[in-house]
Amino acid sequence: MPETDAERTSLAAVAALLAPALAAVAEQVLHAYDDPEGYVRRHAARLADRGIDAPFPALPWIALVDALEEHRLLAEFDWKEAPEEIRSGLRGLASRPSIDPWVLFDADEMLLPTARFLRACGRHYREIGAALVVLDIDSDCYPVVCLRGARAKELVSLATRAGFTAKVLGAR
């Protein structure tokens, strides 16, 4: 598990940044940090879907991903997800921008493979002042959050301080 107060504080800050009105998200993340065995017991069914049955160092980050997804603040995409499914998932986010970036897409972009399509999504979201960020869980999927573009670097920095990785999609 992460071992310093700075890591714990950074995890809480990431949760607050991505779910400012939902204290339950930070509570789940800190539960996984402070009491990993208890967290695994309490969320055994959900963790079993990820093949997790015991605490491990990335458990608080997984708890963040799951809590954000539960509140429609994160969409998780398979490495071979179709562009239309990605589009639908991003449109379903409670944190989606009020301006629809899909008018910026070319028809050819809808034919791109998953990784390239997600980068294109990131570029178009950036054009309207939003950011798409992958919360890397060392898997073959893409857990993606949406937030104001001006806060993306802050998210990446906080994730790094917590010992985890967040990558802005479509960034130069």
C-alpha atoms as a PDB file:
ATOM      1  CA  MET A   1       0.000   0.000   0.000  1.00  0.00           C
ATOM      2  CA  PRO A   2       1.148   3.614  -0.399  1.00  0.00           C
ATOM      3  CA  GLU A   3       3.131   4.496   2.707  1.00  0.00           C
ATOM      4  CA  THR A   4       3.243   8.236   3.306  1.00  0.00           C
ATOM      5  CA  ASP A   5       0.882  10.938   4.458  1.00  0.00           C
ATOM      6  CA  ALA A   6       1.694  12.825   1.245  1.00  0.00           C
ATOM      7  CA  GLU A   7       0.406   9.892  -0.789  1.00  0.00           C
ATOM      8  CA  ARG A   8      -2.767   9.692   1.297  1.00  0.00           C
ATOM      9  CA  THR A   9      -3.305  13.447   1.023  1.00  0.00           C
ATOM     10  CA  SER A  10      -2.740  13.326  -2.734  1.00  0.00           C
ATOM     11  CA  LEU A  11      -5.232  10.471  -3.149  1.00  0.00           C
ATOM     12  CA  ALA A  12      -7.828  12.471  -1.233  1.00  0.00           C
ATOM     13  CA  ALA A  13      -7.072  15.518  -3.402  1.00  0.00           C
ATOM     14  CA  VAL A  14      -7.503  13.495  -6.614  1.00  0.00           C
ATOM     15  CA  ALA A  15     -10.870  12.237  -5.366  1.00  0.00           C
ATOM     16  CA  ALA A  16     -11.940  15.767  -4.414  1.00  0.00           C
ATOM     17  CA  LEU A  17     -10.828  17.143  -7.790  1.00  0.00           C
ATOM     18  CA  LEU A  18     -12.733  14.520  -9.770  1.00  0.00           C
ATOM     19  CA  ALA A  19     -15.780  14.275  -7.491  1.00  0.00           C
ATOM     20  CA  PRO A  20     -15.985  17.597  -5.626  1.00  0.00           C
ATOM     21  CA  ALA A  21     -19.584  17.140  -4.488  1.00  0.00           C
ATOM     22  CA  LEU A  22     -19.290  13.458  -3.593  1.00  0.00           C
ATOM     23  CA  ALA A  23     -17.490  12.801  -0.324  1.00  0.00           C
ATOM     24  CA  ALA A  24     -18.273   9.091  -0.773  1.00  0.00           C
ATOM     25  CA  VAL A  25     -15.619   8.844  -3.496  1.00  0.00           C
ATOM     26  CA  ALA A  26     -12.839  10.088  -1.214  1.00  0.00           C
ATOM     27  CA  GLU A  27     -14.190   7.914   1.606  1.00  0.00           C
ATOM     28  CA  GLN A  28     -13.891   4.767  -0.537  1.00  0.00           C
ATOM     29  CA  VAL A  29     -10.374   5.667  -1.671  1.00  0.00           C
ATOM     30  CA  LEU A  30      -9.212   6.389   1.868  1.00  0.00           C
ATOM     31  CA  HIS A  31     -10.874   3.217   3.150  1.00  0.00           C
ATOM     32  CA  ALA A  32      -8.791   1.230   0.637  1.00  0.00           C
ATOM     33  CA  TYR A  33      -5.684   3.139   1.736  1.00  0.00           C
ATOM     34  CA  ASP A  34      -6.243   2.983   5.505  1.00  0.00           C
ATOM     35  CA  ASP A  35      -7.795  -0.489   5.805  1.00  0.00           C
ATOM     36  CA  PRO A  36      -7.030  -2.492   2.653  1.00  0.00           C
ATOM     37  CA  GLU A  37      -8.164  -5.805   4.130  1.00  0.00           C
ATOM     38  CA  GLY A  38     -11.471  -4.287   5.231  1.00  0.00           C
ATOM     39  CA  TYR A  39     -11.935  -2.660   1.837  1.00  0.00           C
ATOM     40  CA  VAL A  40     -11.378  -5.987   0.055  1.00  0.00           C
ATOM     41  CA  ARG A  41     -13.900  -7.706   2.342  1.00  0.00           C
ATOM     42  CA  ARG A  42     -16.508  -4.974   1.885  1.00  0.00           C
ATOM     43  CA  HIS A  43     -16.157  -4.755  -1.898  1.00  0.00           C
ATOM     44  CA  ALA A  44     -15.321  -8.408  -2.622  1.00  0.00           C
ATOM     45  CA  ALA A  45     -17.915  -8.860  -5.367  1.00  0.00           C
ATOM     46  CA  ARG A  46     -16.876  -5.768  -7.313  1.00  0.00           C
ATOM     47  CA  LEU A  47     -13.171  -6.540  -6.897  1.00  0.00           C
ATOM     48  CA  ALA A  48     -13.713 -10.148  -7.989  1.00  0.00           C
ATOM     49  CA  ASP A  49     -14.784  -8.808 -11.391  1.00  0.00           C
ATOM     50  CA  ARG A  50     -11.245  -7.419 -11.660  1.00  0.00           C
ATOM     51  CA  GLY A  51      -9.637 -10.627 -10.396  1.00  0.00           C
ATOM     52  CA  ILE A  52      -8.711  -9.004  -7.075  1.00  0.00           C
ATOM     53  CA  ASP A  53      -9.125 -11.017  -3.897  1.00  0.00           C
ATOM     54  CA  ALA A  54      -6.432  -9.537  -1.646  1.00  0.00           C
ATOM     55  CA  PRO A  55      -4.890  -6.133  -0.904  1.00  0.00           C
ATOM     56  CA  PHE A  56      -2.099  -4.947  -3.205  1.00  0.00           C
ATOM     57  CA  PRO A  57      -0.292  -1.624  -3.687  1.00  0.00           C
ATOM     58  CA  ALA A  58      -2.677  -0.165  -6.297  1.00  0.00           C
ATOM     59  CA  LEU A  59      -5.863  -0.935  -4.341  1.00  0.00           C
ATOM     60  CA  PRO A  60      -6.600   2.732  -3.475  1.00  0.00           C
ATOM     61  CA  TRP A  61      -6.294   3.667  -7.175  1.00  0.00           C
ATOM     62  CA  ILE A  62      -8.650   0.824  -8.141  1.00  0.00           C
ATOM     63  CA  ALA A  63     -11.028   2.043  -5.415  1.00  0.00           C
ATOM     64  CA  LEU A  64     -10.919   5.511  -7.005  1.00  0.00           C
ATOM     65  CA  VAL A  65     -11.681   4.128 -10.462  1.00  0.00           C
ATOM     66  CA  ASP A  66     -14.564   2.021  -9.171  1.00  0.00           C
ATOM     67  CA  ALA A  67     -16.042   4.840  -7.059  1.00  0.00           C
ATOM     68  CA  LEU A  68     -15.854   7.309  -9.949  1.00  0.00           C
ATOM     69  CA  GLU A  69     -17.460   4.802 -12.302  1.00  0.00           C
ATOM     70  CA  GLU A  70     -20.222   4.153  -9.783  1.00  0.00           C
ATOM     71  CA  HIS A  71     -21.074   7.878  -9.875  1.00  0.00           C
ATOM     72  CA  ARG A  72     -20.819   8.194 -13.683  1.00  0.00           C
ATOM     73  CA  LEU A  73     -17.608  10.236 -13.421  1.00  0.00           C
ATOM     74  CA  LEU A  74     -15.460   7.665 -15.227  1.00  0.00           C
ATOM     75  CA  ALA A  75     -15.974   5.446 -18.250  1.00  0.00           C
ATOM     76  CA  GLU A  76     -13.841   2.345 -18.644  1.00  0.00           C
ATOM     77  CA  PHE A  77     -13.106   1.161 -22.175  1.00  0.00           C
ATOM     78  CA  ASP A  78     -11.630  -2.110 -23.376  1.00  0.00           C
ATOM     79  CA  TRP A  79      -8.482  -1.932 -25.500  1.00  0.00           C
ATOM     80  CA  LYS A  80     -10.546  -2.899 -28.566  1.00  0.00           C
ATOM     81  CA  GLU A  81     -13.665  -0.823 -27.875  1.00  0.00           C
ATOM     82  CA  ALA A  82     -15.546   0.474 -30.909  1.00  0.00           C
ATOM     83  CA  PRO A  83     -15.599   4.255 -31.429  1.00  0.00           C
ATOM     84  CA  GLU A  84     -19.404   4.370 -31.111  1.00  0.00           C
ATOM     85  CA  GLU A  85     -19.200   2.639 -27.717  1.00  0.00           C
ATOM     86  CA  ILE A  86     -16.543   5.116 -26.584  1.00  0.00           C
ATOM     87  CA  ARG A  87     -18.663   8.001 -27.783  1.00  0.00           C
ATOM     88  CA  SER A  88     -21.656   6.637 -25.892  1.00  0.00           C
ATOM     89  CA  GLY A  89     -19.594   6.124 -22.735  1.00  0.00           C
ATOM     90  CA  LEU A  90     -18.170   9.643 -22.832  1.00  0.00           C
ATOM     91  CA  ARG A  91     -21.603  11.140 -23.455  1.00  0.00           C
ATOM     92  CA  GLY A  92     -22.863   9.273 -20.388  1.00  0.00           C
ATOM     93  CA  LEU A  93     -20.391  10.958 -18.046  1.00  0.00           C
ATOM     94  CA  ALA A  94     -21.916  13.308 -15.497  1.00  0.00           C
ATOM     95  CA  SER A  95     -18.766  15.438 -15.930  1.00  0.00           C
ATOM     96  CA  ARG A  96     -19.075  15.788 -19.719  1.00  0.00           C
ATOM     97  CA  PRO A  97     -18.679  19.311 -21.110  1.00  0.00           C
ATOM     98  CA  SER A  98     -21.757  21.349 -21.895  1.00  0.00           C
ATOM     99  CA  ILE A  99     -20.436  21.971 -25.409  1.00  0.00           C
ATOM    100  CA  ASP A 100     -20.624  18.841 -27.547  1.00  0.00           C
ATOM    101  CA  PRO A 101     -17.168  18.074 -29.017  1.00  0.00           C
ATOM    102  CA  TRP A 102     -18.578  15.467 -31.388  1.00  0.00           C
ATOM    103  CA  VAL A 103     -19.320  18.081 -34.045  1.00  0.00           C
ATOM    104  CA  LEU A 104     -15.521  18.450 -34.406  1.00  0.00           C
ATOM    105  CA  PHE A 105     -14.990  14.822 -35.448  1.00  0.00           C
ATOM    106  CA  ASP A 106     -14.330  13.800 -39.033  1.00  0.00           C
ATOM    107  CA  ALA A 107     -16.026  10.669 -40.341  1.00  0.00           C
ATOM    108  CA  ASP A 108     -12.595   9.034 -40.789  1.00  0.00           C
ATOM    109  CA  GLU A 109     -11.838   9.443 -37.087  1.00  0.00           C
ATOM    110  CA  MET A 110     -14.779   7.197 -36.257  1.00  0.00           C
ATOM    111  CA  LEU A 111     -12.853   4.375 -37.958  1.00  0.00           C
ATOM    112  CA  LEU A 112      -9.714   4.637 -35.831  1.00  0.00           C
ATOM    113  CA  PRO A 113      -8.613   1.845 -33.488  1.00  0.00           C
ATOM    114  CA  THR A 114      -9.283   2.403 -29.786  1.00  0.00           C
ATOM    115  CA  ALA A 115      -6.008   4.020 -28.654  1.00  0.00           C
ATOM    116  CA  ARG A 116      -5.881   6.410 -31.611  1.00  0.00           C
ATOM    117  CA  PHE A 117      -9.580   7.206 -31.303  1.00  0.00           C
ATOM    118  CA  LEU A 118      -9.173   8.065 -27.610  1.00  0.00           C
ATOM    119  CA  ARG A 119      -6.269  10.395 -28.467  1.00  0.00           C
ATOM    120  CA  ALA A 120      -8.487  12.075 -31.096  1.00  0.00           C
ATOM    121  CA  CYS A 121     -11.224  12.422 -28.468  1.00  0.00           C
ATOM    122  CA  GLY A 122      -8.704  14.042 -26.147  1.00  0.00           C
ATOM    123  CA  ARG A 123      -7.663  16.548 -28.830  1.00  0.00           C
ATOM    124  CA  HIS A 124     -11.267  17.507 -29.603  1.00  0.00           C
ATOM    125  CA  TYR A 125     -12.202  17.799 -25.937  1.00  0.00           C
ATOM    126  CA  ARG A 126      -9.175  20.052 -25.442  1.00  0.00           C
ATOM    127  CA  GLU A 127     -10.436  22.285 -28.276  1.00  0.00           C
ATOM    128  CA  ILE A 128     -13.526  23.071 -26.186  1.00  0.00           C
ATOM    129  CA  GLY A 129     -11.646  23.541 -22.902  1.00  0.00           C
ATOM    130  CA  ALA A 130     -12.093  20.079 -21.434  1.00  0.00           C
ATOM    131  CA  ALA A 131      -9.643  17.247 -20.865  1.00  0.00           C
ATOM    132  CA  LEU A 132      -9.895  13.491 -21.013  1.00  0.00           C
ATOM    133  CA  VAL A 133      -7.482  11.722 -18.706  1.00  0.00           C
ATOM    134  CA  VAL A 134      -6.729   8.009 -18.369  1.00  0.00           C
ATOM    135  CA  LEU A 135      -6.263   6.790 -14.802  1.00  0.00           C
ATOM    136  CA  ASP A 136      -3.772   4.025 -15.545  1.00  0.00           C
ATOM    137  CA  ILE A 137      -4.525   0.810 -13.660  1.00  0.00           C
ATOM    138  CA  ASP A 138      -1.846  -1.257 -15.423  1.00  0.00           C
ATOM    139  CA  SER A 139      -4.432  -3.151 -17.425  1.00  0.00           C
ATOM    140  CA  ASP A 140      -5.573  -3.529 -21.026  1.00  0.00           C
ATOM    141  CA  CYS A 141      -8.359  -1.018 -20.485  1.00  0.00           C
ATOM    142  CA  TYR A 142      -8.704   2.739 -20.418  1.00  0.00           C
ATOM    143  CA  PRO A 143     -10.434   4.220 -17.350  1.00  0.00           C
ATOM    144  CA  VAL A 144     -11.214   7.748 -18.601  1.00  0.00           C
ATOM    145  CA  VAL A 145     -12.331  10.829 -16.682  1.00  0.00           C
ATOM    146  CA  CYS A 146     -13.385  14.207 -18.015  1.00  0.00           C
ATOM    147  CA  LEU A 147     -12.605  17.505 -16.303  1.00  0.00           C
ATOM    148  CA  ARG A 148     -11.889  21.128 -17.087  1.00  0.00           C
ATOM    149  CA  GLY A 149      -8.776  21.351 -19.239  1.00  0.00           C
ATOM    150  CA  ALA A 150      -7.181  23.837 -16.872  1.00  0.00           C
ATOM    151  CA  ARG A 151      -7.160  21.193 -14.111  1.00  0.00           C
ATOM    152  CA  ALA A 152      -5.595  18.331 -16.107  1.00  0.00           C
ATOM    153  CA  LYS A 153      -1.969  19.055 -15.144  1.00  0.00           C
ATOM    154  CA  GLU A 154      -3.012  19.310 -11.508  1.00  0.00           C
ATOM    155  CA  LEU A 155      -4.628  15.865 -11.745  1.00  0.00           C
ATOM    156  CA  VAL A 156      -1.493  14.368 -13.324  1.00  0.00           C
ATOM    157  CA  SER A 157       0.692  15.923 -10.617  1.00  0.00           C
ATOM    158  CA  LEU A 158      -1.531  14.733  -7.761  1.00  0.00           C
ATOM    159  CA  ALA A 159      -1.658  11.222  -9.212  1.00  0.00           C
ATOM    160  CA  THR A 160       2.137  11.150  -9.440  1.00  0.00           C
ATOM    161  CA  ARG A 161       2.487  12.315  -5.828  1.00  0.00           C
ATOM    162  CA  ALA A 162       0.097   9.550  -4.792  1.00  0.00           C
ATOM    163  CA  GLY A 163       2.286   7.010  -6.606  1.00  0.00           C
ATOM    164  CA  PHE A 164       0.009   6.423  -9.589  1.00  0.00           C
ATOM    165  CA  THR A 165      -0.261   7.470 -13.229  1.00  0.00           C
ATOM    166  CA  ALA A 166      -2.751   9.719 -14.978  1.00  0.00           C
ATOM    167  CA  LYS A 167      -2.247  10.513 -18.669  1.00  0.00           C
ATOM    168  CA  VAL A 168      -3.923  13.334 -20.565  1.00  0.00           C
ATOM    169  CA  LEU A 169      -5.340  12.055 -23.847  1.00  0.00           C
ATOM    170  CA  GLY A 170      -4.467  13.991 -26.987  1.00  0.00           C
ATOM    171  CA  ALA A 171      -1.928  16.215 -25.232  1.00  0.00           C
ATOM    172  CA  ARG A 172       0.998  17.374 -27.265  1.00  0.00           C
END
